Amino acid sequence: MYGILAAAVVAGAGAIGTALFVRKVRRPMKIIVLGQALTGKTTLLNTWMGNWSANFPRTSLNPETVRTIKVETGEKTLLVNKKFIFRNGVDISGRDETMFNFRTDVKAAKAIIYLVDANHLYAEERRPPEHGHADEWVRIIDDGYRIKRYGREADRVVLVVTHTDQDPRHASLGPEEYQAQVWQQLKEVIDAIGAPGRTRVVAGSLATRPAAEELAESVVRSLL
C-alpha cells in the first residue's frame, strides 16, 4: 500500500556518523494522536493499519506499523525499518482537566499529531470582524498552549488539517496554495506551540480510501 520513505541524505558523515544516524532512524517512535471530536483520529489510525472504512470502526489498542526508510549515504542506499507506535486518538474537550489521564502519554511521546477540522478554519476565515471567535477556534488555540506545556519532549508536532473535501477553498485554490493558506491561518497555533522548527502542517481528506492513504503518507513523511 505504501512506498519507501526517504529519510535524509547523510553524505560525508563517515562510517560512525552514518551508523549513529541509522540507529536514530531505526529507533521506534512513540506518537500520540490528539484533536477535538470528529476530526478523524480513528479514521487516520485505521488507515495506517490498512483498515480504512467509511463506517468508522474502532481501532485496536495502541496500533503499530513498520515502514521502510531510505537513507542515502552518498556511497550507497540503506533501507531501514522503523516502527511507529500510535497511542489511540484522544479527544481534547478544551479543559486542562481532560489532559490529566493521558498527560503521561503526552510527555512520553516523541511526536504529537493534532487534527484540525478544515470546517473550523473555513468558518473562522469567514467570521465577521464584529463577531467573536467560535468556540472551536478558541479551543484550537488553547490546545496549542497545552501541547507546549505537556509536550516539551516531543521532537515533532504535526498539525493535520482534515476534511478538506468539505472546505470550498481547497477546490478553488488547489492543494499547494491551500496548504500555504492554512499554514498561514494556523500561524497563531504554531506560535502557541512554540519551537516553530519542530512543527509541520499537512492537509487532506479522509473521505475515501485513496485520499486517506495519501494524507496518512504525508503525515508519516512529516514525522521524519
Protein backbone atom coordinates (compact mmCIF):
# COMPACT_ATOMS: atom_id res chain seq x y z
CA MET A 1 0.00 0.00 0.00
CA TYR A 2 2.80 2.40 0.90
CA GLY A 3 6.12 3.04 -0.81
CA ILE A 4 9.55 3.58 0.69
CA LEU A 5 10.08 6.83 2.57
CA ALA A 6 13.18 8.95 2.04
CA ALA A 7 14.54 9.99 5.42
CA ALA A 8 17.61 12.09 4.69
CA VAL A 9 20.95 12.33 2.97
CA VAL A 10 23.95 11.80 5.27
CA ALA A 11 26.75 12.05 2.72
CA GLY A 12 30.10 12.92 4.26
CA ALA A 13 29.12 11.82 7.76
CA GLY A 14 31.62 8.98 7.81
CA ALA A 15 31.02 5.40 8.95
CA ILE A 16 30.42 6.32 12.61
CA GLY A 17 28.15 9.27 11.78
CA THR A 18 26.13 7.15 9.37
CA ALA A 19 25.81 4.34 11.91
CA LEU A 20 24.55 6.76 14.56
CA PHE A 21 22.04 8.29 12.14
CA VAL A 22 20.75 4.86 11.08
CA ARG A 23 20.38 3.88 14.73
CA LYS A 24 18.33 7.02 15.33
CA VAL A 25 16.13 6.32 12.29
CA ARG A 26 15.61 2.70 13.37
CA ARG A 27 14.57 3.68 16.91
CA PRO A 28 10.77 3.21 17.42
CA MET A 29 8.78 6.45 17.52
CA LYS A 30 6.01 6.82 20.09
CA ILE A 31 3.25 9.02 18.77
CA ILE A 32 0.07 10.38 20.34
CA VAL A 33 -2.86 11.48 18.18
CA LEU A 34 -4.93 14.36 19.58
CA GLY A 35 -7.77 16.54 18.41
CA GLN A 36 -11.32 17.64 19.01
CA ALA A 37 -14.18 15.19 18.46
CA LEU A 38 -14.98 14.14 14.88
CA THR A 39 -11.73 15.45 13.40
CA GLY A 40 -10.88 11.99 12.00
CA LYS A 41 -8.49 10.49 14.56
CA THR A 42 -9.90 6.95 14.38
CA THR A 43 -10.10 7.02 10.58
CA LEU A 44 -6.48 8.16 10.31
CA LEU A 45 -5.28 5.47 12.72
CA ASN A 46 -7.26 2.80 10.88
CA THR A 47 -5.79 3.97 7.57
CA TRP A 48 -2.27 3.41 8.89
CA MET A 49 -3.34 -0.10 9.86
CA GLY A 50 -4.74 -0.72 6.38
CA ASN A 51 -8.29 -0.79 7.76
CA TRP A 52 -9.83 2.38 6.33
CA SER A 53 -13.62 2.26 6.42
CA ALA A 54 -16.40 4.75 5.91
CA ASN A 55 -18.14 3.15 8.91
CA PHE A 56 -15.51 4.38 11.40
CA PRO A 57 -14.68 1.05 13.13
CA ARG A 58 -12.90 1.17 16.46
CA THR A 59 -9.11 0.99 16.41
CA SER A 60 -7.15 -1.70 18.24
CA LEU A 61 -5.29 -0.63 21.36
CA ASN A 62 -2.02 1.19 20.61
CA PRO A 63 -1.70 0.17 16.94
CA GLU A 64 1.74 -0.14 15.39
CA THR A 65 3.06 -0.03 11.85
CA VAL A 66 6.52 -0.66 10.43
CA ARG A 67 7.71 1.43 7.49
CA THR A 68 10.85 1.22 5.37
CA ILE A 69 13.01 4.35 5.37
CA LYS A 70 15.52 5.03 2.59
CA VAL A 71 18.75 6.63 3.77
CA GLU A 72 21.21 8.00 1.21
CA THR A 73 24.80 7.96 2.49
CA GLY A 74 26.46 9.26 -0.68
CA GLU A 75 28.16 5.91 -1.29
CA LYS A 76 25.19 3.60 -1.01
CA THR A 77 21.49 3.48 -0.20
CA LEU A 78 20.36 1.88 3.05
CA LEU A 79 16.86 0.58 3.70
CA VAL A 80 15.96 0.79 7.39
CA ASN A 81 12.79 -0.47 9.04
CA LYS A 82 11.21 1.91 11.56
CA LYS A 83 8.34 1.16 13.92
CA PHE A 84 5.69 3.82 14.55
CA ILE A 85 3.71 3.24 17.77
CA PHE A 86 0.46 5.19 17.93
CA ARG A 87 -1.48 5.91 21.08
CA ASN A 88 -5.20 5.78 20.42
CA GLY A 89 -6.77 9.08 19.43
CA VAL A 90 -7.81 11.30 22.31
CA ASP A 91 -10.49 13.99 22.22
CA ILE A 92 -9.48 17.29 23.81
CA SER A 93 -12.50 18.98 25.30
CA GLY A 94 -10.89 22.35 25.94
CA ARG A 95 -10.31 21.92 29.68
CA ASP A 96 -6.98 21.31 31.38
CA GLU A 97 -8.59 18.58 33.49
CA THR A 98 -9.06 16.41 30.40
CA MET A 99 -5.29 16.25 29.97
CA PHE A 100 -4.88 14.55 33.37
CA ASN A 101 -5.50 10.93 32.35
CA PHE A 102 -3.12 10.94 29.41
CA ARG A 103 -0.64 13.62 30.48
CA THR A 104 1.98 10.92 30.97
CA ASP A 105 1.43 9.69 27.42
CA VAL A 106 1.83 13.20 26.01
CA LYS A 107 5.05 13.73 27.97
CA ALA A 108 6.40 10.36 26.79
CA ALA A 109 5.56 10.91 23.11
CA LYS A 110 8.36 11.69 20.70
CA ALA A 111 5.82 13.07 18.23
CA ILE A 112 2.39 14.68 18.60
CA ILE A 113 -0.22 14.66 15.85
CA TYR A 114 -3.03 17.18 16.32
CA LEU A 115 -6.01 17.06 13.97
CA VAL A 116 -7.88 20.22 12.93
CA ASP A 117 -11.22 20.16 11.10
CA ALA A 118 -10.99 22.26 7.91
CA ASN A 119 -14.58 23.36 8.51
CA HIS A 120 -13.45 25.22 11.64
CA LEU A 121 -10.74 27.02 9.68
CA TYR A 122 -13.17 27.99 6.93
CA ALA A 123 -15.69 29.27 9.46
CA GLU A 124 -13.00 31.33 11.19
CA GLU A 125 -11.90 32.91 7.91
CA ARG A 126 -15.49 33.90 7.09
CA ARG A 127 -16.19 35.24 10.58
CA PRO A 128 -17.33 38.89 10.50
CA PRO A 129 -14.89 41.12 12.44
CA GLU A 130 -17.67 42.25 14.79
CA HIS A 131 -18.36 38.65 15.86
CA GLY A 132 -16.30 36.82 18.46
CA HIS A 133 -14.25 33.73 17.70
CA ALA A 134 -16.12 30.43 17.57
CA ASP A 135 -15.59 28.03 20.48
CA GLU A 136 -13.89 25.52 18.16
CA TRP A 137 -11.26 28.06 17.11
CA VAL A 138 -10.62 29.17 20.69
CA ARG A 139 -10.09 25.55 21.66
CA ILE A 140 -7.59 25.04 18.84
CA ILE A 141 -5.52 27.95 20.15
CA ASP A 142 -5.83 26.75 23.75
CA ASP A 143 -4.79 23.24 22.71
CA GLY A 144 -1.66 24.73 21.15
CA TYR A 145 -0.65 26.06 24.56
CA ARG A 146 -1.47 22.68 26.17
CA ILE A 147 0.75 20.92 23.67
CA LYS A 148 3.54 23.35 24.55
CA ARG A 149 3.00 22.76 28.28
CA TYR A 150 2.83 18.96 28.21
CA GLY A 151 4.71 18.04 25.04
CA ARG A 152 8.04 19.73 25.60
CA GLU A 153 9.96 16.49 24.95
CA ALA A 154 8.36 15.82 21.56
CA ASP A 155 10.75 16.17 18.62
CA ARG A 156 7.94 16.79 16.16
CA VAL A 157 4.43 18.25 16.19
CA VAL A 158 2.28 17.76 13.10
CA LEU A 159 -0.90 19.78 12.64
CA VAL A 160 -3.14 17.76 10.33
CA VAL A 161 -5.99 19.62 8.63
CA THR A 162 -8.69 17.05 7.82
CA HIS A 163 -11.98 17.12 5.91
CA THR A 164 -10.51 19.38 3.21
CA ASP A 165 -13.11 17.97 0.82
CA GLN A 166 -15.67 19.99 2.81
CA ASP A 167 -13.72 23.26 2.56
CA PRO A 168 -14.64 25.18 -0.65
CA ARG A 169 -11.21 26.84 -0.65
CA HIS A 170 -9.45 23.53 -1.38
CA ALA A 171 -11.14 23.05 -4.76
CA SER A 172 -10.69 26.68 -5.81
CA LEU A 173 -7.07 27.10 -4.68
CA GLY A 174 -5.63 23.67 -5.37
CA PRO A 175 -3.60 21.55 -2.88
CA GLU A 176 -0.38 23.60 -2.78
CA GLU A 177 -1.99 27.02 -2.46
CA TYR A 178 -4.48 25.67 0.05
CA GLN A 179 -1.65 24.20 2.11
CA ALA A 180 0.08 27.58 2.20
CA GLN A 181 -3.12 29.34 3.20
CA VAL A 182 -3.98 27.04 6.10
CA TRP A 183 -0.36 27.18 7.31
CA GLN A 184 -0.69 30.96 7.49
CA GLN A 185 -4.06 30.61 9.20
CA LEU A 186 -2.56 28.24 11.77
CA LYS A 187 0.41 30.54 12.46
CA GLU A 188 -1.15 31.58 15.77
CA VAL A 189 -1.40 27.93 16.80
CA ILE A 190 2.20 27.25 15.74
CA ASP A 191 3.33 30.24 17.80
CA ALA A 192 1.33 28.93 20.78
CA ILE A 193 3.04 25.53 20.49
CA GLY A 194 6.44 27.21 20.43
CA ALA A 195 9.67 25.98 18.82
CA PRO A 196 8.26 26.51 15.30
CA GLY A 197 11.08 24.49 13.74
CA ARG A 198 9.59 21.27 15.08
CA THR A 199 6.05 21.92 13.80
CA ARG A 200 4.74 20.80 10.42
CA VAL A 201 1.36 21.33 8.73
CA VAL A 202 -0.27 18.89 6.31
CA ALA A 203 -3.78 18.86 4.88
CA GLY A 204 -6.03 16.34 3.19
CA SER A 205 -9.24 14.38 3.12
CA LEU A 206 -10.27 11.15 4.81
CA ALA A 207 -13.47 10.75 2.78
CA THR A 208 -12.16 7.97 0.51
CA ARG A 209 -9.53 5.27 0.93
CA PRO A 210 -7.10 6.76 -1.67
CA ALA A 211 -7.41 10.24 -0.15
CA ALA A 212 -6.97 8.89 3.38
CA GLU A 213 -3.90 6.87 2.36
CA GLU A 214 -2.37 9.93 0.70
CA LEU A 215 -2.93 12.01 3.84
CA ALA A 216 -1.59 9.24 6.11
CA GLU A 217 1.55 9.06 3.95
CA SER A 218 2.03 12.83 4.15
CA VAL A 219 1.74 12.73 7.93
CA VAL A 220 4.37 9.99 8.24
CA ARG A 221 6.75 11.93 5.98
CA SER A 222 6.26 14.96 8.21
CA LEU A 223 7.24 12.92 11.25
CA LEU A 224 10.72 12.20 9.90
